[in-house]
Protein backbone atom coordinates (compact mmCIF):
# COMPACT_ATOMS: atom_id res chain seq x y z
CA MET A 1 32.41 9.55 27.70
CA ASN A 2 33.85 11.44 24.73
CA LYS A 3 32.01 11.94 21.45
CA LEU A 4 34.10 9.38 19.56
CA LYS A 5 33.37 6.66 22.11
CA ILE A 6 29.66 7.42 22.02
CA LYS A 7 29.70 7.13 18.23
CA ASN A 8 31.54 3.82 18.39
CA VAL A 9 29.03 2.41 20.88
CA ALA A 10 26.21 3.36 18.52
CA LYS A 11 28.03 1.73 15.60
CA ASP A 12 28.54 -1.45 17.65
CA VAL A 13 24.81 -1.66 18.41
CA ILE A 14 23.92 -1.38 14.75
CA GLN A 15 26.57 -3.96 13.84
CA TYR A 16 25.14 -6.43 16.36
CA GLU A 17 21.72 -5.96 14.81
CA ILE A 18 23.05 -6.31 11.26
CA GLU A 19 24.67 -9.61 12.22
CA ALA A 20 21.40 -10.76 13.79
CA LEU A 21 19.52 -10.00 10.58
CA ILE A 22 22.10 -11.88 8.51
CA LYS A 23 21.60 -14.92 10.76
CA LEU A 24 17.84 -14.59 10.42
CA LYS A 25 18.08 -14.46 6.64
CA LYS A 26 20.10 -17.68 6.62
CA ASN A 27 17.56 -19.29 8.95
CA LEU A 28 14.55 -18.80 6.66
CA ASN A 29 13.54 -22.36 5.89
CA VAL A 30 10.51 -24.61 5.48
CA SER A 31 9.21 -23.46 8.85
CA LEU A 32 8.69 -20.00 7.41
CA LEU A 33 6.66 -21.44 4.53
CA LYS A 34 4.48 -23.30 7.03
CA VAL A 35 3.85 -20.08 8.95
CA ILE A 36 2.93 -18.18 5.79
CA ASN A 37 0.67 -20.97 4.47
CA THR A 38 -1.13 -21.18 7.81
CA ILE A 39 -1.82 -17.46 7.73
CA LEU A 40 -2.96 -17.53 4.10
CA ASN A 41 -5.27 -20.49 4.76
CA CYS A 42 -7.03 -18.72 7.61
CA LYS A 43 -10.24 -18.02 5.71
CA ASN A 44 -12.96 -18.28 8.36
CA GLY A 45 -11.06 -17.07 11.41
CA LYS A 46 -8.89 -14.22 12.64
CA ILE A 47 -5.17 -13.61 12.87
CA ILE A 48 -4.34 -12.78 16.50
CA ILE A 49 -0.83 -11.74 17.53
CA SER A 50 0.51 -11.46 21.07
CA GLY A 51 3.67 -11.10 23.09
CA VAL A 52 5.00 -9.79 26.39
CA GLY A 53 7.22 -6.79 27.07
CA LYS A 54 9.35 -5.71 24.11
CA SER A 55 8.12 -8.72 22.14
CA GLY A 56 4.59 -7.47 22.82
CA ILE A 57 5.47 -4.13 21.24
CA ILE A 58 6.80 -5.94 18.20
CA ALA A 59 3.66 -8.12 18.11
CA ARG A 60 1.55 -4.97 17.96
CA LYS A 61 3.65 -3.79 15.00
CA TRP A 62 3.13 -7.16 13.30
CA ALA A 63 -0.63 -6.79 13.64
CA ALA A 64 -0.55 -3.25 12.25
CA THR A 65 1.63 -4.21 9.29
CA PHE A 66 -0.44 -7.31 8.50
CA SER A 67 -3.69 -5.33 8.55
CA SER A 68 -2.32 -2.54 6.36
CA THR A 69 -1.10 -4.99 3.70
CA GLY A 70 -4.21 -7.10 3.21
CA THR A 71 -4.03 -9.60 6.09
CA PRO A 72 -6.56 -8.44 8.73
CA SER A 73 -5.25 -9.06 12.23
CA PHE A 74 -5.23 -7.60 15.73
CA PHE A 75 -3.02 -7.50 18.79
CA LEU A 76 -4.01 -9.34 21.97
CA ASP A 77 -2.55 -8.00 25.20
CA ALA A 78 -1.12 -11.07 26.94
CA SER A 79 -1.73 -9.71 30.44
CA ASN A 80 -5.38 -8.91 29.74
CA ALA A 81 -5.86 -12.28 28.10
CA SER A 82 -5.82 -13.95 31.51
CA HIS A 83 -8.57 -11.60 32.68
CA GLY A 84 -11.23 -12.29 30.08
CA ASP A 85 -9.66 -11.30 26.76
CA LEU A 86 -9.04 -14.96 25.93
CA GLY A 87 -12.64 -14.78 24.75
CA GLN A 88 -11.36 -12.93 21.69
CA ILE A 89 -9.85 -16.19 20.48
CA THR A 90 -12.41 -18.44 18.76
CA THR A 91 -12.59 -21.48 16.49
CA ASN A 92 -10.63 -21.31 13.21
CA ASP A 93 -8.38 -18.52 14.48
CA VAL A 94 -4.61 -18.42 14.02
CA VAL A 95 -2.75 -17.22 17.11
CA ILE A 96 0.86 -16.03 16.76
CA LEU A 97 2.92 -15.71 19.94
CA LEU A 98 6.25 -13.87 20.00
CA SER A 99 8.66 -14.63 22.84
CA ASN A 100 12.42 -14.74 22.75
CA SER A 101 12.56 -17.17 25.70
CA GLY A 102 9.28 -18.95 25.00
CA GLU A 103 8.68 -19.12 28.76
CA SER A 104 6.84 -15.90 29.61
CA ASP A 105 4.23 -16.65 32.26
CA GLU A 106 1.63 -14.40 30.66
CA LEU A 107 1.74 -16.50 27.47
CA LYS A 108 1.21 -19.84 29.18
CA ASN A 109 -2.52 -19.24 29.66
CA ILE A 110 -2.88 -18.46 25.95
CA ILE A 111 -0.92 -21.61 25.06
CA GLN A 112 -3.11 -23.72 27.31
CA TYR A 113 -6.32 -22.16 26.00
CA THR A 114 -5.44 -22.72 22.32
CA SER A 115 -4.31 -26.31 22.95
CA ARG A 116 -7.82 -27.22 24.12
CA ASN A 117 -9.30 -26.40 20.72
CA ASN A 118 -7.99 -28.39 17.76
CA ASN A 119 -9.42 -25.82 15.35
CA ILE A 120 -7.18 -23.04 16.65
CA LYS A 121 -3.70 -22.94 15.13
CA LEU A 122 -0.88 -21.73 17.37
CA ILE A 123 2.28 -20.34 15.76
CA GLY A 124 5.25 -19.92 18.10
CA ILE A 125 8.09 -17.51 17.29
CA THR A 126 10.94 -18.11 19.74
CA SER A 127 14.68 -18.70 19.92
CA LYS A 128 14.37 -21.58 22.40
CA LYS A 129 13.49 -24.92 20.82
CA ASN A 130 13.09 -26.55 24.23
CA SER A 131 10.73 -23.85 25.50
CA THR A 132 7.11 -24.33 26.55
CA LEU A 133 5.97 -22.26 23.58
CA PHE A 134 7.88 -24.21 20.96
CA LYS A 135 6.92 -27.61 22.37
CA ASN A 136 3.20 -26.78 22.44
CA CYS A 137 2.67 -24.82 19.24
CA ASP A 138 1.32 -26.29 16.00
CA ILE A 139 3.87 -24.48 13.86
CA GLY A 140 7.13 -23.29 15.33
CA PHE A 141 9.68 -20.91 13.92
CA GLU A 142 13.03 -20.99 15.69
CA MET A 143 14.74 -17.62 15.73
CA PRO A 144 18.54 -17.88 15.48
CA THR A 145 20.60 -17.45 18.63
CA ILE A 146 22.10 -13.97 18.56
CA LYS A 147 23.95 -11.55 20.80
CA GLU A 148 22.04 -8.62 22.20
CA ALA A 149 23.73 -5.24 21.95
CA GLY A 150 24.66 -3.42 25.11
CA LEU A 151 24.98 -4.51 28.71
CA GLU A 152 25.99 -8.19 29.13
CA ASN A 153 23.69 -9.53 26.40
CA ILE A 154 20.53 -8.78 28.40
CA VAL A 155 18.93 -5.75 26.70
CA PRO A 156 16.35 -6.77 24.05
CA THR A 157 17.85 -5.15 20.95
CA SER A 158 19.10 -7.56 18.29
CA SER A 159 16.34 -10.03 19.13
CA THR A 160 13.53 -7.50 18.75
CA THR A 161 15.06 -6.14 15.54
CA SER A 162 15.01 -9.69 14.16
CA GLN A 163 11.40 -10.18 15.26
CA LEU A 164 10.43 -6.94 13.58
CA ALA A 165 12.12 -7.92 10.31
CA LEU A 166 10.53 -11.37 10.36
CA GLY A 167 7.07 -9.85 10.74
CA ASP A 168 7.67 -7.54 7.81
CA ALA A 169 8.94 -10.45 5.70
CA ILE A 170 5.84 -12.54 6.44
CA ALA A 171 3.45 -9.63 5.87
CA ILE A 172 4.95 -8.70 2.50
CA ALA A 173 5.07 -12.35 1.39
CA CYS A 174 1.35 -12.68 2.17
CA MET A 175 0.67 -9.38 0.43
CA ASN A 176 2.39 -10.54 -2.75
CA PHE A 177 0.57 -13.89 -2.71
CA LYS A 178 -2.78 -12.08 -2.46
CA ASN A 179 -1.84 -9.69 -5.31
CA PHE A 180 -2.46 -6.79 -2.94
CA THR A 181 -1.80 -3.71 -5.08
CA LYS A 182 -1.07 -0.04 -4.44
CA LEU A 183 -4.75 0.65 -5.14
CA ASP A 184 -5.78 -1.77 -2.38
CA PHE A 185 -3.23 -0.12 -0.11
CA LYS A 186 -4.72 3.30 -0.86
CA LYS A 187 -8.23 2.18 0.09
CA ILE A 188 -7.20 1.37 3.65
CA HIS A 189 -4.93 4.41 4.02
CA PRO A 190 -7.37 7.25 3.30
CA SER A 191 -5.56 9.84 5.44
CA GLY A 192 -2.08 11.30 5.66
CA SER A 193 0.82 11.60 3.25
CA LEU A 194 0.47 8.03 1.99
CA SER A 195 -3.03 8.77 0.77
CA ILE A 196 -1.81 11.85 -1.10
CA LYS A 197 1.00 9.92 -2.80
CA LEU A 198 -1.40 7.13 -3.79
CA LYS A 199 -4.15 9.30 -5.27
CA THR A 200 -5.05 8.05 -8.72
CA VAL A 201 -6.06 9.87 -11.85
CA GLU A 202 -9.64 8.75 -11.25
CA ASP A 203 -9.63 10.43 -7.83
CA LEU A 204 -8.96 13.85 -9.38
CA MET A 205 -10.36 13.75 -12.90
CA VAL A 206 -13.44 15.50 -14.26
CA SER A 207 -15.98 13.12 -15.78
CA GLY A 208 -19.61 12.65 -16.78
CA ARG A 209 -21.58 15.80 -17.58
CA LYS A 210 -18.64 18.00 -16.67
CA LEU A 211 -16.67 16.72 -19.66
CA PRO A 212 -16.40 19.24 -22.54
CA VAL A 213 -17.28 17.00 -25.48
CA VAL A 214 -17.97 18.06 -29.08
CA ASP A 215 -18.68 16.15 -32.28
CA GLU A 216 -15.94 16.35 -34.90
CA ASN A 217 -18.44 17.43 -37.55
CA SER A 218 -19.79 20.34 -35.49
CA VAL A 219 -18.73 23.87 -36.34
CA MET A 220 -16.37 25.84 -34.13
CA GLN A 221 -19.16 28.22 -33.09
CA LYS A 222 -20.69 25.38 -31.06
CA ALA A 223 -17.29 24.22 -29.83
CA LEU A 224 -16.50 27.71 -28.51
CA LYS A 225 -19.65 27.76 -26.43
CA ILE A 226 -18.85 24.35 -24.91
CA ILE A 227 -15.28 25.22 -24.00
CA GLU A 228 -16.45 28.50 -22.46
CA ASN A 229 -19.18 26.80 -20.38
CA LYS A 230 -17.05 23.90 -19.12
CA LYS A 231 -14.08 26.17 -18.25
CA LEU A 232 -11.38 23.52 -18.59
CA GLY A 233 -9.54 25.11 -21.50
CA VAL A 234 -9.80 21.92 -23.54
CA LEU A 235 -12.30 20.00 -25.69
CA VAL A 236 -12.71 16.27 -26.22
CA VAL A 237 -13.50 15.66 -29.88
CA LYS A 238 -15.49 12.54 -30.72
CA ASN A 239 -16.99 10.94 -33.83
CA ARG A 240 -20.54 9.66 -34.26
CA LYS A 241 -19.60 6.32 -32.70
CA GLY A 242 -18.42 8.03 -29.53
CA ALA A 243 -14.74 7.34 -30.13
CA THR A 244 -12.24 10.09 -29.29
CA THR A 245 -10.61 11.43 -32.43
CA GLY A 246 -8.90 14.60 -31.27
CA ILE A 247 -8.35 17.47 -28.87
CA ILE A 248 -8.75 21.23 -29.04
CA THR A 249 -7.15 23.58 -26.51
CA ASP A 250 -7.45 27.29 -25.82
CA GLY A 251 -4.07 27.72 -27.49
CA ASP A 252 -5.25 25.96 -30.66
CA ILE A 253 -8.28 28.24 -30.84
CA LYS A 254 -6.20 31.42 -30.52
CA ARG A 255 -3.75 30.32 -33.21
CA MET A 256 -6.39 29.14 -35.68
CA ALA A 257 -8.63 32.16 -35.10
CA GLN A 258 -5.80 34.41 -36.33
CA ARG A 259 -5.42 32.39 -39.53
CA PHE A 260 -9.08 32.12 -40.58
CA LYS A 261 -11.56 34.99 -40.86
CA MET A 262 -14.56 32.64 -40.79
CA PHE A 263 -13.09 30.62 -37.96
CA ASP A 264 -16.42 30.02 -36.22
CA LYS A 265 -17.75 28.33 -39.39
CA LEU A 266 -14.92 25.80 -39.60
CA LYS A 267 -15.64 22.21 -38.73
CA VAL A 268 -14.11 20.99 -35.49
CA LYS A 269 -12.11 18.26 -37.24
CA LYS A 270 -10.30 20.92 -39.25
CA VAL A 271 -9.05 22.54 -36.05
CA MET A 272 -8.43 19.60 -33.71
CA LYS A 273 -5.15 17.81 -33.11
CA LYS A 274 -5.27 14.06 -33.62
CA LYS A 275 -4.02 11.40 -31.23
CA PRO A 276 -4.41 13.25 -27.91
CA ILE A 277 -2.30 12.00 -25.02
CA SER A 278 -4.33 9.82 -22.66
CA ILE A 279 -3.67 8.07 -19.35
CA ASP A 280 -5.40 5.17 -17.61
CA LYS A 281 -7.69 6.18 -14.74
CA ASP A 282 -5.93 3.76 -12.37
CA GLN A 283 -2.51 5.38 -12.82
CA LEU A 284 -1.15 7.52 -9.99
CA ALA A 285 -1.88 11.22 -10.27
CA ALA A 286 1.85 11.78 -9.78
CA SER A 287 2.46 9.86 -13.02
CA ALA A 288 0.01 12.12 -14.84
CA LEU A 289 1.86 15.17 -13.53
CA ALA A 290 5.17 13.74 -14.76
CA ILE A 291 3.73 13.26 -18.26
CA MET A 292 2.37 16.80 -18.32
CA ASN A 293 5.71 18.25 -17.24
CA ASN A 294 7.56 16.16 -19.82
CA LYS A 295 5.19 17.03 -22.67
CA LYS A 296 4.77 20.65 -21.51
CA ILE A 297 0.98 20.40 -21.43
CA THR A 298 -1.58 21.16 -18.72
CA SER A 299 -4.15 18.38 -19.13
CA LEU A 300 -4.55 14.75 -20.14
CA PHE A 301 -7.46 12.73 -21.42
CA VAL A 302 -8.33 9.72 -19.28
CA HIS A 303 -9.30 6.23 -20.44
CA GLU A 304 -9.79 2.85 -18.77
CA LYS A 305 -8.78 -0.74 -19.48
CA GLY A 306 -6.52 0.24 -22.38
CA LYS A 307 -9.34 1.76 -24.46
CA ILE A 308 -7.48 4.94 -25.40
CA ASN A 309 -10.16 6.07 -27.87
CA LYS A 310 -12.85 5.98 -25.16
CA THR A 311 -12.28 9.09 -23.05
CA VAL A 312 -13.95 8.89 -19.64
CA GLY A 313 -12.40 11.97 -18.05
CA ILE A 314 -9.92 14.83 -18.08
CA ILE A 315 -7.26 15.52 -15.47
CA HIS A 316 -5.78 19.01 -15.25
CA MET A 317 -2.45 19.97 -13.76
CA HIS A 318 -4.20 22.40 -11.39
CA PHE A 319 -6.22 19.53 -9.89
CA ILE A 320 -3.04 17.65 -9.11
CA LEU A 321 -1.12 20.58 -7.66
CA LYS A 322 -4.14 21.56 -5.56
CA SER A 323 -3.96 18.10 -3.96
CA ASN A 324 -0.34 18.76 -2.90
CA ILE A 325 1.03 16.14 -5.28
CA SER A 326 4.42 16.95 -6.73
C-alpha cells in the first residue's frame, strides 16, 4: 500500500466519524433532557456506568469525565457484575448502560437486577430500539444508525466515537447546570499540568503576618525597617481605618531618597503612590502574571470580593514563575 492510499484510508475513517457526529447532533432530543435530568436528580444514590468491550472502555471514560466535572460516578465492569459486583448497585442509584447492539449477554444480568428494584433508574444508550436494553430501561437514548469505518462496517469506530461525544455532552451539560467552576475543577485535580494552570492568586500570595504593612502617617524610617524585614521589595500603605491607600516599592525609595536629604523623616503618604494595582484572590495566577507583564511591574496587591481597598495579600512575579506558570 503506497503512502497516498494510506493517507486516504485515514481520511475516510475520520470522515465516517465526522458524519456519525453530525447525525448524533441532529438526534439530540427530549430523550437527552430526560437522561440529564435523571442524573441531576440523583441526590441520594450513585451514578454507575457500564458497558462491554469497546463500549465498556467508553463507559469508563464517561465515569472519569463525570467525576472530574462535578458528577461523582464510577465504572462497573459488566463481567464482574455477574460474580458479585452487582452488590455495588443499591437503592436510589442511576445505572447507565452503553451498548451499540443492546443485546450483550453480560449486560442482561444488570438489566434484570435493576428491574427488580423500582428505586433504581436504568438509562440505556443503544442504537437498537428493539433491543433488550432499550425495551427494559427506564430512560432510553437511541443512538443514530451510522456506518462504521473500516472492514465491512464491523469495526467499532464511528459508534464508539459517537458514544464518547455523547458522554462529554452530558457531563458538560450537568457541569454547567451545577455551576461547577474552574475553582471546583482545580480542587479535584491537585496534581499535574492542569493543577499548575489552575493555580489561583490565593494559592501563591503572601498574607497575614508576612505582609509588609505600614501606616500612611508613619515616617519613612519605620517603613524602611519593615520593607527590609519582610524582604518583598514593596510596602502596603494603610490608613487608620485599615483601608489601603497606597504602595511603596524599592524603586520609589531609591528615587525619593536622592531627592530629599531628610528622607527618613518624611511621612509615608508623601512617598507612596496612590491607587495601587490589585487583583482578586480567586483569579488565576496566570492572569496576575499577564497584568504584571503588561504594566511592567513585579508584584500586585490582592483583595477579595471586590473590596480593592482591603488588601489581604501580595503576589510577586517570582512566586508565579517558581510555580512554572507562564
